[in-house]
Amino acid sequence: SYMSSGATGVDTKTYEHIKHFYDTQAWIPKNAVIVNRKAFDELDAASKEAIRQASAKMEAKGWEASKTVMADSLNTLKTNGMTIHQPPAALKSDMQKVGDTLLKEWLAKAGPEGQSLIDAFRKP
């Protein structure tokens, strides 16, 4: 067995070798745009606002595109003979524990700056 996103499963034709796929959503296809804080801070207010508005619009479009890729990928896997399963509760719990451990280890190295990043990421 191996772990992958549905999109990677399609790209690598996983269905030719494996017949069961657990939709853990551990990898969700997405893109990101990163802006240099110093350069952004030097922009005039109108330019900053234009970037913020464009960012909000593209973020919404990006998440919708991600949902489409996920749904299309699962459909392609199924069409090509794979059985799609929801992960059992025990698997989800075990994956959460592994993720919690990895995060704890990383935060021990990253310190307060890393915690600040995680806090911002988790902010609704």
PDB file of N, CA and C in Angstrom:
ATOM      1  N   SER A   1       0.837  -1.181   0.000  1.00  0.00           N
ATOM      2  CA  SER A   1       0.000   0.000   0.000  1.00  0.00           C
ATOM      3  C   SER A   1       0.879   1.241   0.000  1.00  0.00           C
ATOM      4  N   TYR A   2       0.275   2.353  -0.306  1.00  0.00           N
ATOM      5  CA  TYR A   2       0.980   3.623  -0.254  1.00  0.00           C
ATOM      6  C   TYR A   2      -0.040   4.719  -0.035  1.00  0.00           C
ATOM      7  N   MET A   3       0.440   5.918   0.308  1.00  0.00           N
ATOM      8  CA  MET A   3      -0.457   7.049   0.540  1.00  0.00           C
ATOM      9  C   MET A   3      -0.245   8.085  -0.544  1.00  0.00           C
ATOM     10  N   SER A   4      -1.346   8.625  -1.029  1.00  0.00           N
ATOM     11  CA  SER A   4      -1.260   9.665  -2.042  1.00  0.00           C
ATOM     12  C   SER A   4      -2.585  10.401  -2.112  1.00  0.00           C
ATOM     13  N   SER A   5      -2.561  11.499  -2.804  1.00  0.00           N
ATOM     14  CA  SER A   5      -3.815  12.194  -3.100  1.00  0.00           C
ATOM     15  C   SER A   5      -4.511  11.456  -4.232  1.00  0.00           C
ATOM     16  N   GLY A   6      -5.793  11.718  -4.376  1.00  0.00           N
ATOM     17  CA  GLY A   6      -6.512  11.151  -5.512  1.00  0.00           C
ATOM     18  C   GLY A   6      -5.910  11.614  -6.827  1.00  0.00           C
ATOM     19  N   ALA A   7      -5.496  12.883  -6.875  1.00  0.00           N
ATOM     20  CA  ALA A   7      -4.912  13.438  -8.103  1.00  0.00           C
ATOM     21  C   ALA A   7      -3.633  12.704  -8.482  1.00  0.00           C
ATOM     22  N   THR A   8      -2.779  12.425  -7.501  1.00  0.00           N
ATOM     23  CA  THR A   8      -1.556  11.674  -7.788  1.00  0.00           C
ATOM     24  C   THR A   8      -1.897  10.245  -8.182  1.00  0.00           C
ATOM     25  N   GLY A   9      -2.926   9.690  -7.545  1.00  0.00           N
ATOM     26  CA  GLY A   9      -3.376   8.353  -7.922  1.00  0.00           C
ATOM     27  C   GLY A   9      -3.779   8.278  -9.381  1.00  0.00           C
ATOM     28  N   VAL A  10      -4.439   9.328  -9.863  1.00  0.00           N
ATOM     29  CA  VAL A  10      -4.823   9.388 -11.279  1.00  0.00           C
ATOM     30  C   VAL A  10      -3.578   9.562 -12.140  1.00  0.00           C
ATOM     31  N   ASP A  11      -2.719  10.517 -11.770  1.00  0.00           N
ATOM     32  CA  ASP A  11      -1.521  10.802 -12.569  1.00  0.00           C
ATOM     33  C   ASP A  11      -0.618   9.584 -12.717  1.00  0.00           C
ATOM     34  N   THR A  12      -0.539   8.768 -11.670  1.00  0.00           N
ATOM     35  CA  THR A  12       0.340   7.594 -11.698  1.00  0.00           C
ATOM     36  C   THR A  12      -0.388   6.307 -12.076  1.00  0.00           C
ATOM     37  N   LYS A  13      -1.667   6.443 -12.427  1.00  0.00           N
ATOM     38  CA  LYS A  13      -2.493   5.296 -12.807  1.00  0.00           C
ATOM     39  C   LYS A  13      -2.461   4.198 -11.738  1.00  0.00           C
ATOM     40  N   THR A  14      -2.614   4.627 -10.500  1.00  0.00           N
ATOM     41  CA  THR A  14      -2.621   3.697  -9.370  1.00  0.00           C
ATOM     42  C   THR A  14      -3.631   2.583  -9.567  1.00  0.00           C
ATOM     43  N   TYR A  15      -4.723   2.884 -10.222  1.00  0.00           N
ATOM     44  CA  TYR A  15      -5.792   1.900 -10.442  1.00  0.00           C
ATOM     45  C   TYR A  15      -5.326   0.695 -11.237  1.00  0.00           C
ATOM     46  N   GLU A  16      -4.175   0.792 -11.899  1.00  0.00           N
ATOM     47  CA  GLU A  16      -3.644  -0.357 -12.629  1.00  0.00           C
ATOM     48  C   GLU A  16      -3.014  -1.379 -11.682  1.00  0.00           C
ATOM     49  N   HIS A  17      -2.757  -0.975 -10.433  1.00  0.00           N
ATOM     50  CA  HIS A  17      -2.034  -1.843  -9.504  1.00  0.00           C
ATOM     51  C   HIS A  17      -2.758  -2.083  -8.181  1.00  0.00           C
ATOM     52  N   ILE A  18      -3.608  -1.153  -7.790  1.00  0.00           N
ATOM     53  CA  ILE A  18      -4.285  -1.228  -6.492  1.00  0.00           C
ATOM     54  C   ILE A  18      -5.780  -1.067  -6.726  1.00  0.00           C
ATOM     55  N   LYS A  19      -6.572  -1.804  -6.003  1.00  0.00           N
ATOM     56  CA  LYS A  19      -8.019  -1.769  -6.236  1.00  0.00           C
ATOM     57  C   LYS A  19      -8.813  -1.028  -5.161  1.00  0.00           C
ATOM     58  N   HIS A  20      -8.166  -0.607  -4.075  1.00  0.00           N
ATOM     59  CA  HIS A  20      -8.882   0.081  -3.000  1.00  0.00           C
ATOM     60  C   HIS A  20      -8.188   1.398  -2.669  1.00  0.00           C
ATOM     61  N   PHE A  21      -8.983   2.446  -2.505  1.00  0.00           N
ATOM     62  CA  PHE A  21      -8.466   3.781  -2.175  1.00  0.00           C
ATOM     63  C   PHE A  21      -9.243   4.314  -0.981  1.00  0.00           C
ATOM     64  N   TYR A  22      -8.518   4.705   0.059  1.00  0.00           N
ATOM     65  CA  TYR A  22      -9.138   5.309   1.240  1.00  0.00           C
ATOM     66  C   TYR A  22      -8.999   6.822   1.135  1.00  0.00           C
ATOM     67  N   ASP A  23     -10.121   7.487   1.068  1.00  0.00           N
ATOM     68  CA  ASP A  23     -10.147   8.940   0.878  1.00  0.00           C
ATOM     69  C   ASP A  23      -9.881   9.654   2.207  1.00  0.00           C
ATOM     70  N   THR A  24      -8.615   9.668   2.616  1.00  0.00           N
ATOM     71  CA  THR A  24      -8.236  10.277   3.894  1.00  0.00           C
ATOM     72  C   THR A  24      -8.128  11.795   3.806  1.00  0.00           C
ATOM     73  N   GLN A  25      -8.070  12.318   2.598  1.00  0.00           N
ATOM     74  CA  GLN A  25      -7.877  13.750   2.359  1.00  0.00           C
ATOM     75  C   GLN A  25      -6.616  14.266   3.058  1.00  0.00           C
ATOM     76  N   ALA A  26      -5.603  13.409   3.117  1.00  0.00           N
ATOM     77  CA  ALA A  26      -4.329  13.796   3.718  1.00  0.00           C
ATOM     78  C   ALA A  26      -3.574  14.779   2.826  1.00  0.00           C
ATOM     79  N   TRP A  27      -3.822  14.703   1.533  1.00  0.00           N
ATOM     80  CA  TRP A  27      -3.194  15.631   0.592  1.00  0.00           C
ATOM     81  C   TRP A  27      -4.294  16.228  -0.253  1.00  0.00           C
ATOM     82  N   ILE A  28      -4.439  17.506  -0.163  1.00  0.00           N
ATOM     83  CA  ILE A  28      -5.466  18.197  -0.931  1.00  0.00           C
ATOM     84  C   ILE A  28      -4.750  19.098  -1.932  1.00  0.00           C
ATOM     85  N   PRO A  29      -4.989  18.902  -3.231  1.00  0.00           N
ATOM     86  CA  PRO A  29      -4.299  19.717  -4.230  1.00  0.00           C
ATOM     87  C   PRO A  29      -4.614  21.198  -4.046  1.00  0.00           C
ATOM     88  N   LYS A  30      -3.564  21.996  -3.995  1.00  0.00           N
ATOM     89  CA  LYS A  30      -3.757  23.438  -3.851  1.00  0.00           C
ATOM     90  C   LYS A  30      -2.509  24.172  -4.311  1.00  0.00           C
ATOM     91  N   ASN A  31      -2.669  25.446  -4.551  1.00  0.00           N
ATOM     92  CA  ASN A  31      -1.570  26.328  -4.931  1.00  0.00           C
ATOM     93  C   ASN A  31      -1.523  27.486  -3.952  1.00  0.00           C
ATOM     94  N   ALA A  32      -0.389  28.141  -3.887  1.00  0.00           N
ATOM     95  CA  ALA A  32      -0.251  29.296  -2.995  1.00  0.00           C
ATOM     96  C   ALA A  32       0.575  30.372  -3.683  1.00  0.00           C
ATOM     97  N   VAL A  33       0.267  31.601  -3.349  1.00  0.00           N
ATOM     98  CA  VAL A  33       1.063  32.739  -3.797  1.00  0.00           C
ATOM     99  C   VAL A  33       1.663  33.358  -2.546  1.00  0.00           C
ATOM    100  N   ILE A  34       2.949  33.587  -2.569  1.00  0.00           N
ATOM    101  CA  ILE A  34       3.647  34.136  -1.414  1.00  0.00           C
ATOM    102  C   ILE A  34       4.145  35.529  -1.768  1.00  0.00           C
ATOM    103  N   VAL A  35       3.950  36.452  -0.844  1.00  0.00           N
ATOM    104  CA  VAL A  35       4.361  37.838  -1.059  1.00  0.00           C
ATOM    105  C   VAL A  35       5.422  38.195  -0.030  1.00  0.00           C
ATOM    106  N   ASN A  36       6.457  38.854  -0.466  1.00  0.00           N
ATOM    107  CA  ASN A  36       7.494  39.330   0.432  1.00  0.00           C
ATOM    108  C   ASN A  36       6.936  40.458   1.292  1.00  0.00           C
ATOM    109  N   ARG A  37       6.964  40.281   2.606  1.00  0.00           N
ATOM    110  CA  ARG A  37       6.378  41.259   3.533  1.00  0.00           C
ATOM    111  C   ARG A  37       7.011  42.638   3.360  1.00  0.00           C
ATOM    112  N   LYS A  38       8.325  42.705   3.242  1.00  0.00           N
ATOM    113  CA  LYS A  38       9.000  44.002   3.114  1.00  0.00           C
ATOM    114  C   LYS A  38       8.545  44.720   1.846  1.00  0.00           C
ATOM    115  N   ALA A  39       8.494  43.997   0.751  1.00  0.00           N
ATOM    116  CA  ALA A  39       8.060  44.601  -0.514  1.00  0.00           C
ATOM    117  C   ALA A  39       6.596  45.026  -0.428  1.00  0.00           C
ATOM    118  N   PHE A  40       5.764  44.190   0.189  1.00  0.00           N
ATOM    119  CA  PHE A  40       4.345  44.526   0.330  1.00  0.00           C
ATOM    120  C   PHE A  40       4.172  45.782   1.180  1.00  0.00           C
ATOM    121  N   ASP A  41       4.903  45.853   2.276  1.00  0.00           N
ATOM    122  CA  ASP A  41       4.798  47.008   3.174  1.00  0.00           C
ATOM    123  C   ASP A  41       5.194  48.314   2.497  1.00  0.00           C
ATOM    124  N   GLU A  42       6.032  48.231   1.481  1.00  0.00           N
ATOM    125  CA  GLU A  42       6.487  49.434   0.778  1.00  0.00           C
ATOM    126  C   GLU A  42       5.489  49.923  -0.274  1.00  0.00           C
ATOM    127  N   LEU A  43       4.464  49.147  -0.556  1.00  0.00           N
ATOM    128  CA  LEU A  43       3.459  49.557  -1.543  1.00  0.00           C
ATOM    129  C   LEU A  43       2.548  50.637  -0.974  1.00  0.00           C
ATOM    130  N   ASP A  44       1.947  51.403  -1.876  1.00  0.00           N
ATOM    131  CA  ASP A  44       0.960  52.393  -1.435  1.00  0.00           C
ATOM    132  C   ASP A  44      -0.322  51.668  -1.028  1.00  0.00           C
ATOM    133  N   ALA A  45      -1.172  52.364  -0.293  1.00  0.00           N
ATOM    134  CA  ALA A  45      -2.392  51.762   0.262  1.00  0.00           C
ATOM    135  C   ALA A  45      -3.300  51.185  -0.818  1.00  0.00           C
ATOM    136  N   ALA A  46      -3.436  51.890  -1.936  1.00  0.00           N
ATOM    137  CA  ALA A  46      -4.317  51.414  -3.012  1.00  0.00           C
ATOM    138  C   ALA A  46      -3.807  50.092  -3.595  1.00  0.00           C
ATOM    139  N   SER A  47      -2.502  49.992  -3.778  1.00  0.00           N
ATOM    140  CA  SER A  47      -1.923  48.752  -4.316  1.00  0.00           C
ATOM    141  C   SER A  47      -2.096  47.597  -3.338  1.00  0.00           C
ATOM    142  N   LYS A  48      -1.880  47.871  -2.047  1.00  0.00           N
ATOM    143  CA  LYS A  48      -2.081  46.831  -1.034  1.00  0.00           C
ATOM    144  C   LYS A  48      -3.523  46.330  -1.054  1.00  0.00           C
ATOM    145  N   GLU A  49      -4.457  47.267  -1.136  1.00  0.00           N
ATOM    146  CA  GLU A  49      -5.870  46.885  -1.137  1.00  0.00           C
ATOM    147  C   GLU A  49      -6.220  46.078  -2.388  1.00  0.00           C
ATOM    148  N   ALA A  50      -5.671  46.478  -3.526  1.00  0.00           N
ATOM    149  CA  ALA A  50      -5.921  45.739  -4.772  1.00  0.00           C
ATOM    150  C   ALA A  50      -5.398  44.303  -4.653  1.00  0.00           C
ATOM    151  N   ILE A  51      -4.230  44.154  -4.051  1.00  0.00           N
ATOM    152  CA  ILE A  51      -3.654  42.818  -3.869  1.00  0.00           C
ATOM    153  C   ILE A  51      -4.508  42.000  -2.905  1.00  0.00           C
ATOM    154  N   ARG A  52      -4.957  42.622  -1.824  1.00  0.00           N
ATOM    155  CA  ARG A  52      -5.810  41.907  -0.858  1.00  0.00           C
ATOM    156  C   ARG A  52      -7.110  41.442  -1.513  1.00  0.00           C
ATOM    157  N   GLN A  53      -7.727  42.316  -2.300  1.00  0.00           N
ATOM    158  CA  GLN A  53      -8.986  41.949  -2.957  1.00  0.00           C
ATOM    159  C   GLN A  53      -8.770  40.832  -3.971  1.00  0.00           C
ATOM    160  N   ALA A  54      -7.719  40.964  -4.767  1.00  0.00           N
ATOM    161  CA  ALA A  54      -7.421  39.916  -5.753  1.00  0.00           C
ATOM    162  C   ALA A  54      -7.099  38.599  -5.047  1.00  0.00           C
ATOM    163  N   SER A  55      -6.385  38.692  -3.939  1.00  0.00           N
ATOM    164  CA  SER A  55      -6.034  37.486  -3.175  1.00  0.00           C
ATOM    165  C   SER A  55      -7.273  36.782  -2.649  1.00  0.00           C
ATOM    166  N   ALA A  56      -8.199  37.549  -2.089  1.00  0.00           N
ATOM    167  CA  ALA A  56      -9.426  36.953  -1.551  1.00  0.00           C
ATOM    168  C   ALA A  56     -10.225  36.273  -2.659  1.00  0.00           C
ATOM    169  N   LYS A  57     -10.305  36.932  -3.798  1.00  0.00           N
ATOM    170  CA  LYS A  57     -11.046  36.367  -4.933  1.00  0.00           C
ATOM    171  C   LYS A  57     -10.384  35.068  -5.416  1.00  0.00           C
ATOM    172  N   MET A  58      -9.065  35.098  -5.559  1.00  0.00           N
ATOM    173  CA  MET A  58      -8.362  33.925  -6.065  1.00  0.00           C
ATOM    174  C   MET A  58      -8.328  32.796  -5.034  1.00  0.00           C
ATOM    175  N   GLU A  59      -8.305  33.142  -3.747  1.00  0.00           N
ATOM    176  CA  GLU A  59      -8.348  32.095  -2.727  1.00  0.00           C
ATOM    177  C   GLU A  59      -9.649  31.303  -2.847  1.00  0.00           C
ATOM    178  N   ALA A  60     -10.763  32.012  -2.988  1.00  0.00           N
ATOM    179  CA  ALA A  60     -12.062  31.342  -3.135  1.00  0.00           C
ATOM    180  C   ALA A  60     -12.078  30.467  -4.391  1.00  0.00           C
ATOM    181  N   LYS A  61     -11.572  31.012  -5.505  1.00  0.00           N
ATOM    182  CA  LYS A  61     -11.528  30.232  -6.747  1.00  0.00           C
ATOM    183  C   LYS A  61     -10.615  29.018  -6.601  1.00  0.00           C
ATOM    184  N   GLY A  62      -9.496  29.211  -5.897  1.00  0.00           N
ATOM    185  CA  GLY A  62      -8.545  28.125  -5.707  1.00  0.00           C
ATOM    186  C   GLY A  62      -9.128  26.966  -4.917  1.00  0.00           C
ATOM    187  N   TRP A  63      -9.861  27.296  -3.840  1.00  0.00           N
ATOM    188  CA  TRP A  63     -10.478  26.234  -3.050  1.00  0.00           C
ATOM    189  C   TRP A  63     -11.549  25.510  -3.861  1.00  0.00           C
ATOM    190  N   GLU A  64     -12.298  26.231  -4.665  1.00  0.00           N
ATOM    191  CA  GLU A  64     -13.303  25.581  -5.522  1.00  0.00           C
ATOM    192  C   GLU A  64     -12.624  24.671  -6.543  1.00  0.00           C
ATOM    193  N   ALA A  65     -11.528  25.152  -7.129  1.00  0.00           N
ATOM    194  CA  ALA A  65     -10.790  24.330  -8.091  1.00  0.00           C
ATOM    195  C   ALA A  65     -10.248  23.075  -7.412  1.00  0.00           C
ATOM    196  N   SER A  66      -9.774  23.222  -6.186  1.00  0.00           N
ATOM    197  CA  SER A  66      -9.264  22.082  -5.436  1.00  0.00           C
ATOM    198  C   SER A  66     -10.358  21.040  -5.210  1.00  0.00           C
ATOM    199  N   LYS A  67     -11.544  21.497  -4.834  1.00  0.00           N
ATOM    200  CA  LYS A  67     -12.674  20.577  -4.637  1.00  0.00           C
ATOM    201  C   LYS A  67     -13.008  19.845  -5.934  1.00  0.00           C
ATOM    202  N   THR A  68     -12.957  20.572  -7.043  1.00  0.00           N
ATOM    203  CA  THR A  68     -13.249  19.965  -8.346  1.00  0.00           C
ATOM    204  C   THR A  68     -12.214  18.902  -8.688  1.00  0.00           C
ATOM    205  N   VAL A  69     -10.930  19.218  -8.482  1.00  0.00           N
ATOM    206  CA  VAL A  69      -9.868  18.250  -8.764  1.00  0.00           C
ATOM    207  C   VAL A  69     -10.045  17.009  -7.892  1.00  0.00           C
ATOM    208  N   MET A  70     -10.354  17.217  -6.621  1.00  0.00           N
ATOM    209  CA  MET A  70     -10.548  16.073  -5.720  1.00  0.00           C
ATOM    210  C   MET A  70     -11.702  15.197  -6.193  1.00  0.00           C
ATOM    211  N   ALA A  71     -12.838  15.805  -6.502  1.00  0.00           N
ATOM    212  CA  ALA A  71     -14.014  15.039  -6.945  1.00  0.00           C
ATOM    213  C   ALA A  71     -13.743  14.336  -8.269  1.00  0.00           C
ATOM    214  N   ASP A  72     -13.148  15.052  -9.217  1.00  0.00           N
ATOM    215  CA  ASP A  72     -12.842  14.457 -10.518  1.00  0.00           C
ATOM    216  C   ASP A  72     -11.856  13.297 -10.376  1.00  0.00           C
ATOM    217  N   SER A  73     -10.869  13.472  -9.506  1.00  0.00           N
ATOM    218  CA  SER A  73      -9.864  12.420  -9.308  1.00  0.00           C
ATOM    219  C   SER A  73     -10.496  11.158  -8.738  1.00  0.00           C
ATOM    220  N   LEU A  74     -11.331  11.318  -7.721  1.00  0.00           N
ATOM    221  CA  LEU A  74     -11.997  10.144  -7.141  1.00  0.00           C
ATOM    222  C   LEU A  74     -12.890   9.466  -8.170  1.00  0.00           C
ATOM    223  N   ASN A  75     -13.564  10.254  -8.984  1.00  0.00           N
ATOM    224  CA  ASN A  75     -14.413   9.693 -10.037  1.00  0.00           C
ATOM    225  C   ASN A  75     -13.575   8.914 -11.048  1.00  0.00           C
ATOM    226  N   THR A  76     -12.420   9.459 -11.421  1.00  0.00           N
ATOM    227  CA  THR A  76     -11.547   8.770 -12.377  1.00  0.00           C
ATOM    228  C   THR A  76     -11.030   7.464 -11.786  1.00  0.00           C
ATOM    229  N   LEU A  77     -10.633   7.491 -10.522  1.00  0.00           N
ATOM    230  CA  LEU A  77     -10.168   6.257  -9.879  1.00  0.00           C
ATOM    231  C   LEU A  77     -11.278   5.208  -9.887  1.00  0.00           C
ATOM    232  N   LYS A  78     -12.479   5.631  -9.530  1.00  0.00           N
ATOM    233  CA  LYS A  78     -13.629   4.716  -9.488  1.00  0.00           C
ATOM    234  C   LYS A  78     -13.953   4.186 -10.884  1.00  0.00           C
ATOM    235  N   THR A  79     -13.967   5.070 -11.868  1.00  0.00           N
ATOM    236  CA  THR A  79     -14.262   4.677 -13.248  1.00  0.00           C
ATOM    237  C   THR A  79     -13.263   3.643 -13.751  1.00  0.00           C
ATOM    238  N   ASN A  80     -12.042   3.715 -13.238  1.00  0.00           N
ATOM    239  CA  ASN A  80     -11.000   2.784 -13.663  1.00  0.00           C
ATOM    240  C   ASN A  80     -10.871   1.570 -12.744  1.00  0.00           C
ATOM    241  N   GLY A  81     -11.919   1.300 -11.966  1.00  0.00           N
ATOM    242  CA  GLY A  81     -11.981   0.046 -11.233  1.00  0.00           C
ATOM    243  C   GLY A  81     -11.628   0.078  -9.758  1.00  0.00           C
ATOM    244  N   MET A  82     -11.277   1.230  -9.227  1.00  0.00           N
ATOM    245  CA  MET A  82     -10.955   1.279  -7.801  1.00  0.00           C
ATOM    246  C   MET A  82     -12.228   1.416  -6.974  1.00  0.00           C
ATOM    247  N   THR A  83     -12.204   0.833  -5.797  1.00  0.00           N
ATOM    248  CA  THR A  83     -13.278   1.020  -4.832  1.00  0.00           C
ATOM    249  C   THR A  83     -12.832   2.124  -3.883  1.00  0.00           C
ATOM    250  N   ILE A  84     -13.648   3.150  -3.749  1.00  0.00           N
ATOM    251  CA  ILE A  84     -13.322   4.288  -2.889  1.00  0.00           C
ATOM    252  C   ILE A  84     -13.976   4.059  -1.528  1.00  0.00           C
ATOM    253  N   HIS A  85     -13.175   4.155  -0.480  1.00  0.00           N
ATOM    254  CA  HIS A  85     -13.661   3.949   0.885  1.00  0.00           C
ATOM    255  C   HIS A  85     -13.436   5.216   1.705  1.00  0.00           C
ATOM    256  N   GLN A  86     -14.305   5.438   2.669  1.00  0.00           N
ATOM    257  CA  GLN A  86     -14.031   6.436   3.698  1.00  0.00           C
ATOM    258  C   GLN A  86     -13.148   5.745   4.732  1.00  0.00           C
ATOM    259  N   PRO A  87     -12.178   6.451   5.289  1.00  0.00           N
ATOM    260  CA  PRO A  87     -11.282   5.791   6.240  1.00  0.00           C
ATOM    261  C   PRO A  87     -12.012   5.401   7.526  1.00  0.00           C
ATOM    262  N   PRO A  88     -11.688   4.243   8.071  1.00  0.00           N
ATOM    263  CA  PRO A  88     -12.276   3.852   9.350  1.00  0.00           C
ATOM    264  C   PRO A  88     -11.843   4.830  10.452  1.00  0.00           C
ATOM    265  N   ALA A  89     -12.636   4.924  11.493  1.00  0.00           N
ATOM    266  CA  ALA A  89     -12.344   5.845  12.598  1.00  0.00           C
ATOM    267  C   ALA A  89     -10.955   5.597  13.186  1.00  0.00           C
ATOM    268  N   ALA A  90     -10.560   4.336  13.293  1.00  0.00           N
ATOM    269  CA  ALA A  90      -9.246   4.013  13.867  1.00  0.00           C
ATOM    270  C   ALA A  90      -8.117   4.576  13.006  1.00  0.00           C
ATOM    271  N   LEU A  91      -8.256   4.491  11.687  1.00  0.00           N
ATOM    272  CA  LEU A  91      -7.237   5.038  10.796  1.00  0.00           C
ATOM    273  C   LEU A  91      -7.163   6.555  10.937  1.00  0.00           C
ATOM    274  N   LYS A  92      -8.307   7.203  10.961  1.00  0.00           N
ATOM    275  CA  LYS A  92      -8.329   8.661  11.127  1.00  0.00           C
ATOM    276  C   LYS A  92      -7.676   9.068  12.447  1.00  0.00           C
ATOM    277  N   SER A  93      -7.993   8.345  13.498  1.00  0.00           N
ATOM    278  CA  SER A  93      -7.418   8.635  14.812  1.00  0.00           C
ATOM    279  C   SER A  93      -5.904   8.436  14.811  1.00  0.00           C
ATOM    280  N   ASP A  94      -5.457   7.342  14.225  1.00  0.00           N
ATOM    281  CA  ASP A  94      -4.017   7.069  14.160  1.00  0.00           C
ATOM    282  C   ASP A  94      -3.291   8.126  13.335  1.00  0.00           C
ATOM    283  N   MET A  95      -3.889   8.541  12.231  1.00  0.00           N
ATOM    284  CA  MET A  95      -3.267   9.580  11.406  1.00  0.00           C
ATOM    285  C   MET A  95      -3.198  10.900  12.173  1.00  0.00           C
ATOM    286  N   GLN A  96      -4.227  11.212  12.935  1.00  0.00           N
ATOM    287  CA  GLN A  96      -4.223  12.437  13.741  1.00  0.00           C
ATOM    288  C   GLN A  96      -3.107  12.392  14.781  1.00  0.00           C
ATOM    289  N   LYS A  97      -2.916  11.226  15.403  1.00  0.00           N
ATOM    290  CA  LYS A  97      -1.853  11.073  16.404  1.00  0.00           C
ATOM    291  C   LYS A  97      -0.478  11.280  15.775  1.00  0.00           C
ATOM    292  N   VAL A  98      -0.270  10.710  14.603  1.00  0.00           N
ATOM    293  CA  VAL A  98       1.006  10.888  13.909  1.00  0.00           C
ATOM    294  C   VAL A  98       1.212  12.368  13.583  1.00  0.00           C
ATOM    295  N   GLY A  99       0.173  13.010  13.072  1.00  0.00           N
ATOM    296  CA  GLY A  99       0.264  14.437  12.760  1.00  0.00           C
ATOM    297  C   GLY A  99       0.555  15.273  13.992  1.00  0.00           C
ATOM    298  N   ASP A 100      -0.093  14.958  15.098  1.00  0.00           N
ATOM    299  CA  ASP A 100       0.148  15.686  16.350  1.00  0.00           C
ATOM    300  C   ASP A 100       1.593  15.528  16.807  1.00  0.00           C
ATOM    301  N   THR A 101       2.128  14.310  16.688  1.00  0.00           N
ATOM    302  CA  THR A 101       3.517  14.054  17.070  1.00  0.00           C
ATOM    303  C   THR A 101       4.477  14.839  16.184  1.00  0.00           C
ATOM    304  N   LEU A 102       4.246  14.795  14.874  1.00  0.00           N
ATOM    305  CA  LEU A 102       5.114  15.533  13.953  1.00  0.00           C
ATOM    306  C   LEU A 102       5.071  17.030  14.233  1.00  0.00           C
ATOM    307  N   LEU A 103       3.882  17.555  14.489  1.00  0.00           N
ATOM    308  CA  LEU A 103       3.750  18.978  14.785  1.00  0.00           C
ATOM    309  C   LEU A 103       4.481  19.331  16.074  1.00  0.00           C
ATOM    310  N   LYS A 104       4.319  18.518  17.098  1.00  0.00           N
ATOM    311  CA  LYS A 104       4.981  18.776  18.381  1.00  0.00           C
ATOM    312  C   LYS A 104       6.499  18.790  18.211  1.00  0.00           C
ATOM    313  N   GLU A 105       7.029  17.833  17.467  1.00  0.00           N
ATOM    314  CA  GLU A 105       8.473  17.768  17.232  1.00  0.00           C
ATOM    315  C   GLU A 105       8.951  18.987  16.450  1.00  0.00           C
ATOM    316  N   TRP A 106       8.182  19.386  15.453  1.00  0.00           N
ATOM    317  CA  TRP A 106       8.562  20.547  14.649  1.00  0.00           C
ATOM    318  C   TRP A 106       8.518  21.818  15.487  1.00  0.00           C
ATOM    319  N   LEU A 107       7.463  21.977  16.295  1.00  0.00           N
ATOM    320  CA  LEU A 107       7.345  23.172  17.129  1.00  0.00           C
ATOM    321  C   LEU A 107       8.486  23.270  18.137  1.00  0.00           C
ATOM    322  N   ALA A 108       8.983  22.132  18.611  1.00  0.00           N
ATOM    323  CA  ALA A 108      10.120  22.146  19.538  1.00  0.00           C
ATOM    324  C   ALA A 108      11.350  22.756  18.867  1.00  0.00           C
ATOM    325  N   LYS A 109      11.480  22.563  17.566  1.00  0.00           N
ATOM    326  CA  LYS A 109      12.600  23.132  16.815  1.00  0.00           C
ATOM    327  C   LYS A 109      12.301  24.552  16.340  1.00  0.00           C
ATOM    328  N   ALA A 110      11.066  24.797  15.951  1.00  0.00           N
ATOM    329  CA  ALA A 110      10.703  26.087  15.348  1.00  0.00           C
ATOM    330  C   ALA A 110      10.491  27.184  16.381  1.00  0.00           C
ATOM    331  N   GLY A 111      10.128  26.807  17.594  1.00  0.00           N
ATOM    332  CA  GLY A 111       9.965  27.791  18.662  1.00  0.00           C
ATOM    333  C   GLY A 111       8.764  28.700  18.476  1.00  0.00           C
ATOM    334  N   PRO A 112       8.815  29.883  19.114  1.00  0.00           N
ATOM    335  CA  PRO A 112       7.681  30.814  19.090  1.00  0.00           C
ATOM    336  C   PRO A 112       7.283  31.268  17.678  1.00  0.00           C
ATOM    337  N   GLU A 113       8.262  31.424  16.805  1.00  0.00           N
ATOM    338  CA  GLU A 113       7.942  31.833  15.432  1.00  0.00           C
ATOM    339  C   GLU A 113       7.114  30.753  14.738  1.00  0.00           C
ATOM    340  N   GLY A 114       7.472  29.510  14.956  1.00  0.00           N
ATOM    341  CA  GLY A 114       6.707  28.404  14.390  1.00  0.00           C
ATOM    342  C   GLY A 114       5.307  28.331  14.968  1.00  0.00           C
ATOM    343  N   GLN A 115       5.191  28.546  16.277  1.00  0.00           N
ATOM    344  CA  GLN A 115       3.877  28.533  16.916  1.00  0.00           C
ATOM    345  C   GLN A 115       3.004  29.644  16.358  1.00  0.00           C
ATOM    346  N   SER A 116       3.604  30.802  16.120  1.00  0.00           N
ATOM    347  CA  SER A 116       2.869  31.927  15.537  1.00  0.00           C
ATOM    348  C   SER A 116       2.336  31.563  14.153  1.00  0.00           C
ATOM    349  N   LEU A 117       3.145  30.867  13.383  1.00  0.00           N
ATOM    350  CA  LEU A 117       2.737  30.431  12.047  1.00  0.00           C
ATOM    351  C   LEU A 117       1.560  29.460  12.132  1.00  0.00           C
ATOM    352  N   ILE A 118       1.645  28.502  13.025  1.00  0.00           N
ATOM    353  CA  ILE A 118       0.564  27.525  13.193  1.00  0.00           C
ATOM    354  C   ILE A 118      -0.709  28.213  13.670  1.00  0.00           C
ATOM    355  N   ASP A 119      -0.570  29.147  14.604  1.00  0.00           N
ATOM    356  CA  ASP A 119      -1.741  29.882  15.100  1.00  0.00           C
ATOM    357  C   ASP A 119      -2.426  30.639  13.970  1.00  0.00           C
ATOM    358  N   ALA A 120      -1.626  31.271  13.108  1.00  0.00           N
ATOM    359  CA  ALA A 120      -2.195  32.015  11.972  1.00  0.00           C
ATOM    360  C   ALA A 120      -2.871  31.060  10.997  1.00  0.00           C
ATOM    361  N   PHE A 121      -2.267  29.898  10.768  1.00  0.00           N
ATOM    362  CA  PHE A 121      -2.828  28.906   9.850  1.00  0.00           C
ATOM    363  C   PHE A 121      -4.177  28.396  10.350  1.00  0.00           C
ATOM    364  N   ARG A 122      -4.286  28.196  11.640  1.00  0.00           N
ATOM    365  CA  ARG A 122      -5.514  27.643  12.221  1.00  0.00           C
ATOM    366  C   ARG A 122      -6.601  28.685  12.443  1.00  0.00           C
ATOM    367  N   LYS A 123      -6.263  29.930  12.268  1.00  0.00           N
ATOM    368  CA  LYS A 123      -7.227  31.010  12.489  1.00  0.00           C
ATOM    369  C   LYS A 123      -8.354  30.900  11.460  1.00  0.00           C
ATOM    370  N   PRO A 124      -9.619  30.970  11.929  1.00  0.00           N
ATOM    371  CA  PRO A 124     -10.745  30.826  10.985  1.00  0.00           C
ATOM    372  C   PRO A 124     -10.819  31.956   9.975  1.00  0.00           C
TER     373      PRO A 124
END
